Protein backbone atom coordinates (compact mmCIF):
# COMPACT_ATOMS: atom_id res chain seq x y z
CA MET A 1 0.00 0.00 0.00
CA LYS A 2 2.77 2.43 0.88
CA ILE A 3 4.64 1.55 -2.33
CA ARG A 4 1.51 2.08 -4.46
CA LEU A 5 0.84 5.42 -2.74
CA ALA A 6 4.40 6.51 -3.38
CA LEU A 7 4.16 5.57 -7.04
CA PHE A 8 0.83 7.43 -7.31
CA LEU A 9 2.33 10.58 -5.82
CA ILE A 10 5.29 10.38 -8.14
CA SER A 11 3.01 10.06 -11.16
CA VAL A 12 0.85 12.99 -10.05
CA LEU A 13 3.76 15.26 -9.28
CA SER A 14 5.31 14.50 -12.63
CA VAL A 15 2.40 16.18 -14.45
CA ILE A 16 1.89 19.16 -12.13
CA PRO A 17 3.72 22.22 -13.44
CA ILE A 18 6.30 23.54 -11.07
CA VAL A 19 5.68 27.20 -10.25
CA PRO A 20 8.98 28.97 -9.68
CA SER A 21 9.25 30.50 -6.25
CA VAL A 22 11.43 33.31 -5.01
CA ALA A 23 14.80 31.91 -4.07
CA ALA A 24 15.79 31.97 -0.45
CA GLY A 25 17.54 35.16 0.49
CA PRO A 26 17.17 38.26 2.62
CA GLU A 27 13.71 38.99 3.97
CA ARG A 28 11.66 41.33 1.82
CA PHE A 29 9.45 44.08 3.21
CA ALA A 30 7.30 46.55 1.31
CA LEU A 31 5.10 49.51 2.19
CA VAL A 32 2.61 50.40 -0.55
CA ILE A 33 0.60 53.64 -0.25
CA GLY A 34 -2.12 54.91 -2.57
CA ASN A 35 -3.52 58.35 -1.70
CA ALA A 36 -6.42 59.49 -3.89
CA LYS A 37 -8.94 61.48 -1.82
CA TYR A 38 -7.40 64.90 -1.19
CA PRO A 39 -10.07 67.38 0.02
CA ASP A 40 -8.30 70.26 -1.72
CA ALA A 41 -8.46 68.54 -5.12
CA GLU A 42 -11.48 68.97 -7.36
CA ALA A 43 -12.06 65.20 -7.49
CA PRO A 44 -10.38 62.05 -6.18
CA LEU A 45 -7.50 60.75 -8.27
CA LYS A 46 -8.55 57.70 -10.29
CA GLU A 47 -5.28 55.79 -10.41
CA PRO A 48 -3.53 55.56 -7.01
CA ILE A 49 -5.81 53.05 -5.23
CA ASN A 50 -5.96 50.56 -8.10
CA ASP A 51 -2.25 51.00 -8.75
CA ALA A 52 -1.36 50.42 -5.10
CA ARG A 53 -3.46 47.26 -4.93
CA ALA A 54 -1.97 45.87 -8.14
CA VAL A 55 1.60 46.59 -7.01
CA ALA A 56 0.91 45.07 -3.59
CA ASP A 57 -0.49 41.88 -5.12
CA GLU A 58 2.53 41.50 -7.37
CA LEU A 59 5.01 42.09 -4.55
CA LYS A 60 3.27 39.48 -2.41
CA ARG A 61 3.71 36.96 -5.22
CA ASP A 62 7.37 37.94 -5.35
CA GLY A 63 7.93 37.08 -1.70
CA PHE A 64 7.53 40.50 -0.11
CA ASN A 65 5.83 40.94 3.25
CA VAL A 66 3.55 43.79 2.21
CA GLU A 67 1.69 46.45 4.17
CA VAL A 68 -0.86 48.47 2.16
CA GLY A 69 -2.24 51.90 3.05
CA GLU A 70 -5.02 53.74 1.23
CA ASN A 71 -5.93 57.42 1.65
CA LEU A 72 -3.63 57.81 4.62
CA THR A 73 -3.67 60.90 6.83
CA GLY A 74 -0.46 62.32 8.20
CA ASP A 75 -0.78 60.34 11.44
CA ALA A 76 -1.57 57.16 9.54
CA MET A 77 1.43 57.60 7.22
CA ARG A 78 3.67 58.19 10.23
CA ARG A 79 2.43 55.01 11.86
CA ALA A 80 2.90 53.07 8.62
CA PHE A 81 6.50 54.25 8.29
CA ASP A 82 7.24 53.50 11.95
CA LYS A 83 5.84 49.99 11.53
CA LEU A 84 8.01 49.46 8.47
CA TYR A 85 11.11 50.70 10.30
CA GLY A 86 10.41 48.32 13.17
CA ARG A 87 10.28 45.27 10.91
CA ILE A 88 13.55 45.87 9.09
CA LYS A 89 16.35 43.43 9.79
CA PRO A 90 20.03 43.79 8.84
CA GLY A 91 20.52 42.97 5.18
CA SER A 92 16.82 42.88 4.32
CA VAL A 93 15.27 44.22 1.12
CA VAL A 94 12.90 47.15 1.66
CA LEU A 95 10.64 48.63 -1.01
CA LEU A 96 8.46 51.76 -0.84
CA PHE A 97 5.73 52.47 -3.41
CA PHE A 98 3.83 55.76 -3.19
CA SER A 99 1.13 57.02 -5.53
CA GLY A 100 -0.57 60.35 -4.86
CA PHE A 101 0.51 63.97 -4.75
CA GLY A 102 4.16 64.89 -4.33
CA VAL A 103 5.63 68.35 -3.81
CA GLN A 104 9.17 69.59 -4.32
CA SER A 105 10.47 72.01 -1.70
CA GLY A 106 14.01 72.97 -0.72
CA ARG A 107 15.36 70.54 -3.35
CA GLN A 108 13.67 67.60 -1.62
CA SER A 109 10.63 65.59 -2.65
CA TYR A 110 7.75 65.22 -0.19
CA MET A 111 4.97 62.62 -0.21
CA ILE A 112 1.72 64.32 0.79
CA PRO A 113 -0.92 62.75 3.09
CA VAL A 114 -4.59 63.30 2.31
CA ASP A 115 -5.20 65.68 5.23
CA ALA A 116 -2.23 67.98 4.59
CA GLN A 117 -2.97 71.67 5.19
CA ILE A 118 -0.59 73.31 2.76
CA TRP A 119 -0.79 77.07 2.35
CA THR A 120 2.86 78.11 2.35
CA GLU A 121 6.09 76.32 1.48
CA PRO A 122 7.01 75.62 5.14
CA ASP A 123 3.72 73.70 5.42
CA VAL A 124 5.09 71.18 2.92
CA ARG A 125 7.96 70.34 5.26
CA ARG A 126 5.59 70.22 8.24
CA ASP A 127 2.88 67.97 6.77
CA GLY A 128 4.74 66.10 4.01
CA PHE A 129 7.13 63.17 4.32
CA SER A 130 10.57 63.69 2.82
CA LEU A 131 11.67 60.79 0.61
CA GLU A 132 15.29 61.40 1.59
CA THR A 133 14.43 61.24 5.28
CA VAL A 134 12.47 58.01 4.85
CA LEU A 135 15.27 56.35 2.86
CA GLY A 136 17.82 57.52 5.41
CA GLU A 137 15.83 55.95 8.24
CA ILE A 138 15.41 52.68 6.33
CA ASN A 139 19.15 52.62 5.75
CA SER A 140 19.94 53.32 9.41
CA ARG A 141 17.93 50.22 10.37
CA GLY A 142 20.33 48.05 8.37
CA ALA A 143 18.44 47.41 5.13
CA GLY A 144 20.67 46.11 2.35
CA VAL A 145 18.70 46.86 -0.81
CA LYS A 146 16.41 49.90 -0.71
CA ILE A 147 13.96 50.59 -3.54
CA ALA A 148 11.59 53.57 -3.86
CA LEU A 149 9.00 53.74 -6.65
CA ILE A 150 7.29 57.13 -6.60
CA ASP A 151 4.30 57.86 -8.84
CA ALA A 152 3.62 61.40 -7.65
CA SER A 153 4.64 63.67 -10.54
CA ARG A 154 1.17 65.18 -10.81
CA ARG A 155 -0.04 68.75 -10.92
CA ASN A 156 -1.28 69.25 -7.37
CA PRO A 157 -3.96 71.53 -5.91
CA PHE A 158 -1.54 73.46 -3.71
CA GLU A 159 0.51 75.25 -6.34
CA ARG A 160 -1.51 78.42 -6.76
CA ARG A 161 -1.08 79.04 -3.04
CA PHE A 162 2.67 79.46 -3.45
CA ARG A 163 4.60 79.17 -6.68
CA SER A 164 8.19 79.66 -5.59
CA PHE A 165 8.86 75.92 -5.91
CA SER A 166 9.27 73.91 -9.09
CA ALA A 167 6.63 71.50 -10.27
CA GLY A 168 7.26 67.79 -10.09
CA LEU A 169 9.90 66.11 -7.96
CA ALA A 170 13.51 66.86 -7.08
CA PRO A 171 16.59 64.63 -7.41
CA VAL A 172 17.09 62.49 -4.34
CA ILE A 173 20.36 62.13 -2.50
CA ALA A 174 19.98 58.60 -1.21
CA PRO A 175 22.26 56.30 0.81
CA ASN A 176 24.34 53.62 -0.89
CA GLY A 177 22.42 50.55 -1.93
CA THR A 178 19.36 52.51 -3.09
CA LEU A 179 17.37 52.38 -6.32
CA VAL A 180 14.87 55.20 -6.89
CA MET A 181 12.44 55.67 -9.76
CA TYR A 182 10.04 58.54 -10.42
CA SER A 183 7.18 58.13 -12.88
CA ALA A 184 8.29 61.25 -14.79
CA ALA A 185 11.35 63.39 -15.37
CA LEU A 186 12.66 65.69 -12.67
CA SER A 187 10.64 68.88 -12.16
CA SER A 188 7.97 67.78 -14.64
CA VAL A 189 4.39 66.63 -14.23
CA VAL A 190 2.12 64.31 -16.18
CA SER A 191 -1.64 64.10 -16.35
CA ASP A 192 -3.59 61.08 -15.19
CA ASN A 193 -4.63 59.21 -18.34
CA GLY A 194 -8.26 59.04 -17.27
CA GLY A 195 -8.16 55.28 -16.81
CA ASP A 196 -8.05 53.11 -13.73
CA ARG A 197 -4.31 52.40 -13.97
CA SER A 198 -1.35 54.65 -14.65
CA LEU A 199 0.90 54.05 -17.63
CA PHE A 200 3.86 53.90 -15.25
CA VAL A 201 2.40 51.07 -13.15
CA ARG A 202 1.22 49.13 -16.20
CA GLU A 203 4.74 49.09 -17.62
CA LEU A 204 6.32 48.46 -14.22
CA LEU A 205 4.21 45.38 -13.53
CA LYS A 206 4.91 44.03 -17.00
CA GLU A 207 8.66 44.13 -16.36
CA ILE A 208 8.59 42.98 -12.73
CA ARG A 209 6.94 39.74 -13.90
CA VAL A 210 9.90 38.90 -16.15
CA PRO A 211 12.19 36.45 -14.31
CA ASP A 212 15.96 36.75 -14.24
CA LEU A 213 16.02 40.56 -14.52
CA MET A 214 18.15 42.49 -12.10
CA ALA A 215 16.16 45.28 -10.45
CA GLU A 216 18.04 48.01 -12.31
CA GLU A 217 17.26 46.36 -15.62
CA THR A 218 13.60 45.93 -14.62
CA LEU A 219 13.28 49.65 -14.00
CA ASN A 220 15.26 50.61 -17.07
CA ARG A 221 12.95 48.49 -19.24
CA THR A 222 10.00 50.16 -17.50
CA ARG A 223 11.46 53.55 -18.41
CA VAL A 224 11.79 52.47 -22.04
CA GLY A 225 8.23 51.12 -22.10
CA VAL A 226 6.71 54.29 -20.63
CA THR A 227 8.70 56.50 -22.99
CA ARG A 228 7.59 54.52 -26.02
CA ALA A 229 3.95 54.31 -25.00
CA SER A 230 3.79 58.06 -24.31
CA ARG A 231 5.77 59.00 -27.45
CA SER A 232 8.44 60.57 -25.25
CA GLU A 233 5.99 62.82 -23.44
CA GLN A 234 6.62 60.93 -20.19
CA VAL A 235 10.17 59.82 -19.41
CA PRO A 236 10.65 58.27 -15.94
CA TRP A 237 13.74 59.17 -13.90
CA ILE A 238 16.02 56.60 -12.31
CA SER A 239 18.86 56.89 -9.82
CA SER A 240 20.83 53.88 -8.59
CA SER A 241 23.60 53.22 -6.11
CA LEU A 242 22.96 49.48 -5.72
CA ALA A 243 26.08 47.59 -4.70
CA GLU A 244 24.59 44.09 -4.91
CA ASP A 245 22.42 42.10 -7.27
CA PHE A 246 18.69 41.94 -6.66
CA SER A 247 15.96 40.43 -8.80
CA PHE A 248 12.24 40.63 -8.16
CA ILE A 249 11.79 37.10 -9.60
CA PRO A 250 14.95 35.00 -9.79
CA GLY A 251 14.55 32.47 -12.60
CA THR A 252 16.48 29.83 -14.45
CA GLY A 253 19.38 32.02 -15.46
CA ALA A 254 18.23 32.47 -19.07
CA LYS A 255 18.51 36.15 -19.84
CA PRO A 256 15.43 37.68 -21.55
CA ALA A 257 15.82 39.87 -24.57
CA ALA A 258 16.27 43.52 -23.78
CA PRO A 259 14.01 46.10 -25.40
CA GLY A 260 15.38 47.96 -28.37
CA PRO A 261 16.58 51.55 -28.11
CA VAL A 262 14.15 54.44 -28.05
CA ALA A 263 14.88 57.52 -30.09
CA GLY A 264 16.06 60.34 -27.86
CA LEU A 265 16.90 58.07 -24.93
CA PRO A 266 20.53 57.43 -23.98
CA PRO A 267 21.35 53.73 -23.75
CA ALA A 268 21.93 52.23 -20.35
CA THR A 269 25.54 52.05 -19.23
CA PRO A 270 26.97 48.54 -19.90
CA PRO A 271 27.38 46.43 -16.77
CA ALA A 272 30.70 45.86 -15.13
CA PRO A 273 31.62 42.17 -14.57
CA PRO A 274 30.48 40.01 -12.92
CA GLN A 275 27.01 41.59 -12.87
CA ALA A 276 24.53 40.23 -15.39
CA ALA A 277 22.40 43.31 -15.87
CA PRO A 278 23.22 46.70 -17.35
CA GLN A 279 23.58 49.45 -14.86
CA VAL A 280 21.37 52.52 -14.97
CA THR A 281 23.69 55.47 -14.85
CA PRO A 282 22.30 57.94 -12.30
CA PRO A 283 22.12 61.53 -13.53
CA PRO A 284 24.45 64.00 -11.85
CA LEU A 285 23.08 65.25 -8.57
CA PRO A 286 21.78 67.62 -7.48
CA ARG A 287 21.49 69.13 -10.94
CA VAL A 288 17.95 69.17 -12.33
CA GLU A 289 17.75 67.65 -15.79
CA PRO A 290 16.03 69.71 -18.47
CA PRO A 291 12.50 68.82 -19.50
CA PRO A 292 12.20 66.37 -22.39
CA ARG A 293 11.53 68.03 -25.70
CA VAL A 294 8.54 66.60 -27.47
CA GLU A 295 9.77 65.76 -30.97
CA THR A 296 7.09 63.30 -32.06
CA PRO A 297 4.33 63.59 -32.87
CA ALA A 298 5.04 66.92 -34.50
CA LEU A 299 3.52 69.92 -32.83
CA PRO A 300 0.75 71.67 -34.76
CA PRO A 301 1.76 74.94 -36.38
CA PRO A 302 1.62 77.85 -33.97
CA PRO A 303 -1.35 80.17 -34.13
CA LYS A 304 -0.99 83.45 -35.88
CA PRO A 305 -0.94 86.45 -33.58
CA ALA A 306 -4.50 87.34 -34.47
CA GLU A 307 -5.71 83.87 -33.48
CA VAL A 308 -4.74 84.26 -29.83
CA THR A 309 -8.01 85.30 -28.26
CA LEU A 310 -9.21 86.38 -24.88
CA ALA A 311 -12.28 84.85 -23.31
CA PRO A 312 -15.13 87.17 -22.35
CA PRO A 313 -15.07 88.48 -18.79
CA GLU A 314 -16.63 86.80 -15.80
CA LYS A 315 -19.96 85.03 -16.22
CA PRO A 316 -21.47 85.20 -12.73
CA ALA A 317 -24.12 82.56 -13.44
CA GLU A 318 -21.41 79.96 -14.08
CA ALA A 319 -19.32 80.69 -10.99
CA PRO A 320 -19.81 78.43 -7.95
CA THR A 321 -21.82 80.06 -5.18
CA ALA A 322 -21.03 80.16 -1.47
CA VAL A 323 -23.94 77.80 -0.84
CA ALA A 324 -22.67 75.32 -3.43
CA LEU A 325 -19.20 75.32 -1.84
CA ALA A 326 -20.34 75.38 1.78
CA ASP A 327 -19.87 71.63 2.26
CA ASP A 328 -16.34 71.59 0.88
CA PRO A 329 -14.31 70.28 3.86
CA THR A 330 -11.62 72.97 3.70
CA ILE A 331 -14.04 75.84 3.15
CA LYS A 332 -16.36 74.53 5.85
CA GLY A 333 -13.53 74.42 8.39
CA LEU A 334 -12.35 77.93 7.55
CA THR A 335 -15.90 79.30 7.66
CA GLN A 336 -16.37 77.83 11.13
CA LYS A 337 -13.12 79.42 12.19
CA LEU A 338 -14.28 82.80 10.87
CA ALA A 339 -17.61 82.43 12.65
CA ALA A 340 -15.67 82.31 15.90
CA ASN A 341 -13.36 85.17 14.87
CA PRO A 342 -14.48 87.26 11.85
CA ASP A 343 -11.21 89.21 11.94
CA ASP A 344 -8.95 86.20 11.44
CA ALA A 345 -6.94 87.56 8.49
CA GLY A 346 -5.15 84.27 7.93
CA ALA A 347 -8.40 82.30 7.66
CA LEU A 348 -9.85 84.91 5.28
CA TYR A 349 -6.79 84.71 3.05
CA ARG A 350 -6.83 80.92 3.02
CA ARG A 351 -10.54 80.71 2.25
CA GLY A 352 -10.01 83.22 -0.55
CA GLN A 353 -7.34 80.95 -2.01
CA VAL A 354 -9.65 77.95 -1.94
CA TYR A 355 -12.52 79.93 -3.49
CA ALA A 356 -10.18 81.08 -6.28
CA SER A 357 -8.90 77.55 -6.90
CA LYS A 358 -12.51 76.42 -7.38
CA GLY A 359 -13.41 79.23 -9.78
CA ALA A 360 -15.40 81.32 -7.28
CA TYR A 361 -13.36 84.44 -8.01
CA SER A 362 -15.85 87.03 -6.73
CA LEU A 363 -16.03 85.24 -3.38
CA ALA A 364 -12.24 85.04 -3.31
CA ILE A 365 -11.88 88.76 -3.97
CA LYS A 366 -14.27 89.57 -1.10
CA ASP A 367 -12.16 87.51 1.29
CA PHE A 368 -8.95 89.12 0.03
CA ASP A 369 -10.57 92.56 0.44
CA HIS A 370 -11.38 91.84 4.08
CA SER A 371 -7.97 90.28 4.69
CA LEU A 372 -6.19 93.35 3.30
CA ARG A 373 -8.28 95.70 5.40
CA LEU A 374 -7.00 93.82 8.43
CA ASN A 375 -3.44 93.52 7.14
CA PRO A 376 -2.70 96.21 4.50
CA LYS A 377 0.85 94.91 3.96
CA ASP A 378 -0.04 91.32 3.11
CA VAL A 379 1.89 90.95 -0.14
CA GLU A 380 0.52 87.45 -0.80
CA ALA A 381 -3.06 88.71 -0.56
CA TYR A 382 -2.31 91.54 -3.01
CA ASN A 383 -0.83 89.07 -5.48
CA ASN A 384 -3.73 86.63 -5.18
CA ARG A 385 -6.31 89.40 -5.55
CA CYS A 386 -4.39 90.62 -8.62
CA TRP A 387 -4.60 87.14 -10.12
CA ALA A 388 -8.31 86.70 -9.31
CA ARG A 389 -9.17 90.13 -10.72
CA THR A 390 -7.17 89.32 -13.85
CA VAL A 391 -9.14 86.15 -14.45
CA ILE A 392 -12.51 87.94 -14.27
CA GLY A 393 -11.26 90.78 -16.46
CA ASP A 394 -10.93 93.61 -13.91
CA LEU A 395 -7.54 94.41 -15.37
CA GLN A 396 -7.01 97.98 -14.15
CA ALA A 397 -7.61 97.01 -10.52
CA ALA A 398 -5.52 93.87 -11.00
CA LEU A 399 -2.55 95.89 -12.26
CA LYS A 400 -2.78 98.15 -9.24
CA ASP A 401 -2.69 95.12 -6.92
CA CYS A 402 0.31 93.57 -8.65
CA ASN A 403 2.21 96.85 -8.57
CA GLU A 404 1.52 97.17 -4.85
CA ALA A 405 2.73 93.62 -4.24
CA LEU A 406 5.95 94.38 -6.11
CA ARG A 407 6.38 97.65 -4.23
CA LEU A 408 6.16 95.76 -0.95
CA ARG A 409 8.39 92.92 -2.18
CA PRO A 410 10.53 93.81 -5.20
CA ASN A 411 11.27 90.89 -7.54
CA PHE A 412 8.44 88.83 -6.00
CA VAL A 413 8.30 86.09 -8.63
CA ASP A 414 4.60 85.29 -8.15
CA ALA A 415 3.60 88.93 -8.62
CA LEU A 416 5.79 89.23 -11.71
CA ASP A 417 4.06 86.17 -13.15
CA SER A 418 0.62 87.55 -12.27
CA ARG A 419 1.41 90.99 -13.73
CA GLY A 420 2.62 89.29 -16.88
CA LEU A 421 -0.83 87.72 -17.19
CA VAL A 422 -2.47 91.12 -16.62
CA ASN A 423 -0.40 92.66 -19.42
CA LEU A 424 -1.04 89.68 -21.71
CA LYS A 425 -4.80 90.04 -21.31
CA SER A 426 -4.53 93.82 -21.69
CA GLY A 427 -2.70 93.50 -25.00
CA GLN A 428 0.51 95.00 -23.58
CA THR A 429 2.66 92.22 -25.05
CA LYS A 430 6.03 93.93 -24.59
CA ASN A 431 5.31 94.57 -20.92
CA ALA A 432 4.08 90.97 -20.56
CA ILE A 433 7.32 89.62 -22.06
CA ALA A 434 9.36 91.81 -19.71
CA ASP A 435 7.45 90.55 -16.65
CA PHE A 436 7.67 86.91 -17.70
CA ASP A 437 11.39 87.33 -18.49
CA ALA A 438 11.98 88.73 -14.99
CA ALA A 439 10.05 85.88 -13.39
CA LEU A 440 11.95 83.24 -15.38
CA LYS A 441 15.30 84.72 -14.37
CA ILE A 442 14.32 84.02 -10.78
CA ASN A 443 12.67 80.64 -11.43
CA PRO A 444 13.56 79.25 -14.87
CA ARG A 445 11.05 76.41 -14.48
CA LEU A 446 8.00 78.55 -13.75
CA THR A 447 5.76 76.97 -16.37
CA SER A 448 3.06 79.64 -16.32
CA SER A 449 5.61 82.35 -17.14
CA LEU A 450 7.18 80.23 -19.87
CA TYR A 451 3.84 79.53 -21.54
CA GLY A 452 2.64 83.13 -21.05
CA ARG A 453 5.85 84.46 -22.59
CA GLY A 454 5.35 82.14 -25.55
CA LEU A 455 1.86 83.51 -26.16
CA ALA A 456 3.07 87.09 -25.74
CA LYS A 457 5.93 86.53 -28.20
CA GLN A 458 3.57 85.07 -30.77
CA ARG A 459 1.18 87.99 -30.40
CA ASN A 460 4.16 90.32 -30.74
CA GLY A 461 5.16 88.66 -34.03
CA SER A 462 7.99 86.36 -32.84
CA ILE A 463 6.25 83.17 -33.92
CA SER A 464 9.15 80.70 -33.75
CA GLU A 465 10.43 81.99 -30.41
CA GLY A 466 6.93 81.80 -29.00
CA GLU A 467 6.49 78.27 -30.31
CA LEU A 468 9.68 77.19 -28.52
CA ASP A 469 8.49 78.59 -25.18
CA ILE A 470 5.06 77.02 -25.60
CA SER A 471 6.39 73.57 -26.52
CA ASN A 472 8.81 73.58 -23.58
CA ALA A 473 6.03 74.63 -21.21
CA LYS A 474 3.78 71.85 -22.52
CA ALA A 475 6.57 69.33 -22.01
CA MET A 476 6.88 70.37 -18.36
CA ASP A 477 3.14 70.62 -17.75
CA PRO A 478 0.66 69.01 -20.17
CA ASN A 479 -2.19 70.88 -18.45
CA ILE A 480 -0.82 74.36 -19.02
CA VAL A 481 -3.08 75.08 -22.04
CA LYS A 482 -6.17 74.19 -20.02
CA GLU A 483 -4.91 76.30 -17.11
CA PHE A 484 -4.56 79.42 -19.26
CA ALA A 485 -7.94 78.78 -20.84
CA SER A 486 -9.41 78.90 -17.32
CA TYR A 487 -7.81 82.35 -16.96
CA GLY A 488 -9.56 83.50 -20.11
CA VAL A 489 -6.56 83.22 -22.44
CA ARG A 490 -6.68 80.83 -25.40
């Protein structure tokens, strides 16, 4: 009986396919976060939750001990990181995946929790989580291989509150043994594709599932795949200081074919023996790489100066009302604060910013009016009122506000950018170019000034120069055309 049973088992096992498992090695830990429901955003992001779940499922199959967090507040993110730190053992592999909003400040990249209250740049450092700090803590706990996959190069809802920082993410200065990948180039943003999954995660999962790829090669192939699929409009950024081999799925040793070269992409640096995978050469740090130029498909011919039109002034019937916005969580909280203290200038200014971000410009201007009566030297309030008045077409009053902001703070980049918009809408193209030039000297990656200067140059007759500015602005921010249309400039 025992012999027959043994023979039966042998015969059964001989026809069952053997599923390759992750080879024994260092323990693997992963923290996967998908943040989608930000109260300050117009609508929840579609991609982060599905992306986080898909990445988590794949990592579990690859032998990672995975913790998943969805729509985490600041306290919840802190607890998640602390739990991850506590599980790390010397020599272990640790992976962080974050999808949501990211903000660059002080040449560091911050992952933003869903309850962040960001009104000024210092608020980013208070409420956000620095990627460099997180990687440094993981390293201090003894992790061997450290991998960070950050899908946060999105236009975020906080930017009109302060624009002295660059869009997108900053280069990371990480400890040795770290592999970092951003979903887009440094200081650039990409739009969600409107689907349930991001292009970045689709390509990433495709490559992770290929056995026998070293992690650097997996990410490099992901970069190639994203670049091809987006026609070079989205080029992920990679930085590596790995000192040891790591593969998501070790296989039989048969090396898969590498993807062919992509036009405009530098080839990966050949590997140094005895490593089996090509090394991804990290870009020089902390230099910010220039935005990718969109070569294909060809840009449409630029509009003639006469074709650049201004939208009609404010249409009150279309603007959101105070009643319609009363249940917005941020506005509701600020309104309650003002009910307790009607002379809270800070709360008035902040509510005005939120009203303006939601298109309720008349309500925003009223709050800025009251705020400035309480604090007549509030340069930020002058600038924001200038911008709101510009959008609704009250250009003479807007110019006065911008001039006052610049009198109080000479070379204030935000006010120069706003005054450039005033002059563009007023038809004062030479003055607009001068303002945008001044703003770009201070912040060369201020997309709104770059795009505005392009329009002004075209209206002034410099078609090719304007086209160059416009194409570069679009490469950095695909939503810039829509943004200017919302200001009444098309």
